[in-house]
Protein backbone atom coordinates (compact mmCIF):
# COMPACT_ATOMS: atom_id res chain seq x y z
CA THR A 1 -39.92 32.51 21.14
CA ALA A 2 -36.20 33.11 21.43
CA PRO A 3 -34.15 33.84 18.31
CA GLY A 4 -32.57 30.62 17.05
CA CYS A 5 -34.83 28.49 19.27
CA PRO A 6 -38.24 28.08 17.64
CA LEU A 7 -39.37 25.53 20.25
CA CYS A 8 -38.41 27.63 23.27
CA ARG A 9 -41.13 29.30 25.34
CA SER A 10 -41.06 31.71 28.22
CA LEU A 11 -41.39 30.14 31.66
CA LEU A 12 -43.71 33.00 32.56
CA GLY A 13 -46.21 32.49 29.74
CA PRO A 14 -49.05 29.99 29.41
CA VAL A 15 -48.32 26.56 27.93
CA PRO A 16 -50.93 25.15 25.55
CA SER A 17 -52.56 22.02 26.98
CA SER A 18 -52.25 20.39 23.56
CA ARG A 19 -48.45 20.80 23.42
CA THR A 20 -46.64 17.56 22.70
CA CYS A 21 -43.12 16.51 23.55
CA ALA A 22 -42.19 17.01 19.88
CA ASP A 23 -43.57 20.56 20.07
CA ALA A 24 -41.29 21.19 23.05
CA GLY A 25 -38.24 19.61 21.40
CA ILE A 26 -38.20 16.65 23.79
CA PRO A 27 -37.04 13.39 22.15
CA ASP A 28 -39.46 10.45 22.40
CA HIS A 29 -37.17 8.62 24.79
CA TRP A 30 -37.42 11.37 27.42
CA CYS A 31 -41.12 12.11 26.94
CA THR A 32 -43.02 11.35 30.13
CA CYS A 33 -46.12 10.65 28.02
CA ALA A 34 -44.45 7.57 26.51
CA GLU A 35 -46.13 4.40 27.71
CA TYR A 36 -43.80 1.61 28.68
CA SER A 37 -44.84 -1.87 29.74
CA GLU A 38 -42.97 -3.77 32.44
CA ILE A 39 -41.14 -6.97 31.59
CA ASP A 40 -40.63 -9.67 34.21
CA VAL A 41 -37.14 -9.11 35.64
CA THR A 42 -36.64 -12.88 35.90
CA SER A 43 -37.25 -13.49 32.19
CA PRO A 44 -34.39 -14.68 29.96
CA LEU A 45 -34.73 -11.46 27.90
CA SER A 46 -34.32 -9.30 31.01
CA LYS A 47 -31.20 -11.24 32.04
CA LYS A 48 -29.72 -11.03 28.54
CA LEU A 49 -30.34 -7.28 28.26
CA SER A 50 -28.97 -6.65 31.77
CA ASP A 51 -25.82 -8.65 31.05
CA LEU A 52 -25.37 -6.63 27.85
CA VAL A 53 -25.70 -3.35 29.78
CA VAL A 54 -23.08 -4.39 32.36
CA LEU A 55 -20.73 -5.65 29.65
CA THR A 56 -21.09 -2.32 27.82
CA ILE A 57 -20.32 -0.37 31.02
CA ASN A 58 -17.21 -2.49 31.62
CA GLN A 59 -16.09 -2.03 28.01
CA PHE A 60 -16.61 1.74 28.30
CA MET A 61 -14.43 1.84 31.42
CA MET A 62 -11.71 -0.18 29.69
CA ASP A 63 -11.81 2.12 26.66
CA HIS A 64 -11.45 5.22 28.86
CA ARG A 65 -8.77 4.13 31.33
CA GLU A 66 -6.77 7.29 30.68
CA TYR A 67 -9.40 9.29 32.58
CA ILE A 68 -9.08 7.21 35.75
CA GLU A 69 -7.09 8.96 38.45
CA PRO A 70 -3.57 7.53 38.82
CA GLY A 71 -3.21 5.18 41.78
CA THR A 72 -6.87 4.13 41.65
CA ALA A 73 -8.47 1.20 39.96
CA CYS A 74 -11.92 0.38 38.71
CA SER A 75 -13.29 -3.04 39.49
CA TRP A 76 -14.78 -5.19 36.78
CA LEU A 77 -18.52 -4.96 37.43
CA SER A 78 -20.88 -7.90 37.68
CA LEU A 79 -24.64 -7.92 37.55
CA ASN A 80 -25.99 -8.02 41.09
CA LYS A 81 -29.67 -7.48 40.33
CA VAL A 82 -32.02 -6.64 37.47
CA VAL A 83 -33.97 -3.72 38.94
CA TYR A 84 -36.46 -3.20 36.09
CA VAL A 85 -36.95 -3.67 32.37
CA ARG A 86 -39.53 -1.68 30.44
CA LYS A 87 -40.36 -1.76 26.75
CA ARG A 88 -42.24 0.32 24.26
CA LYS A 89 -42.78 0.22 20.53
CA VAL A 90 -41.14 3.13 18.73
CA SER A 91 -43.37 4.77 16.13
CA ASP A 92 -40.75 4.79 13.39
CA GLY A 93 -42.59 2.69 10.82
CA LEU A 94 -40.34 -0.27 11.63
CA GLN A 95 -40.62 -2.92 14.32
CA THR A 96 -38.20 -1.13 16.65
CA LEU A 97 -38.53 -1.73 20.38
CA GLN A 98 -37.01 0.52 22.99
CA MET A 99 -36.07 -1.20 26.22
CA VAL A 100 -35.13 0.75 29.34
CA VAL A 101 -33.03 -1.45 31.61
CA GLY A 102 -32.21 -0.69 35.25
CA VAL A 103 -29.43 -2.74 36.84
CA GLU A 104 -27.53 -2.90 40.10
CA THR A 105 -23.88 -3.91 39.92
CA PHE A 106 -21.34 -5.42 42.26
CA PRO A 107 -19.01 -4.38 43.82
CA GLY A 108 -20.34 -1.09 45.10
CA PHE A 109 -24.04 -1.66 44.41
CA GLY A 110 -24.00 1.02 41.70
CA GLN A 111 -27.28 1.55 39.87
CA PHE A 112 -27.35 2.23 36.16
CA GLU A 113 -30.06 2.80 33.58
CA SER A 114 -29.60 2.18 29.89
CA THR A 115 -31.75 2.32 26.79
CA VAL A 116 -31.39 -0.56 24.36
CA GLU A 117 -33.04 -0.32 20.94
CA TYR A 118 -33.49 -3.20 18.58
CA SER A 119 -35.61 -4.15 15.62
């Protein structure tokens, strides 16, 4: 254990097989043990979430125009394709769902992933 990092472990030492993501300091969202279920990418919910993700990306770009190199421009992105939507119930005592949304945008065919939480 390193000073100031109670969850840190040496890469050279054994790792207990019972170690959880929480034990390692890994947030639930990034834990590979988390079980997500696929949602049909053609469902109205998938479309709504994907549109929200693209709108949020566009808004972020508009809010941060000062960081765009002079003489260049960013295109307003549109949803080209819903790549995947996965959901899982968050164990927070509430009815919170965590949705991981993968989208492809146009122009440029950029691929983005976003986490959307709602309860």
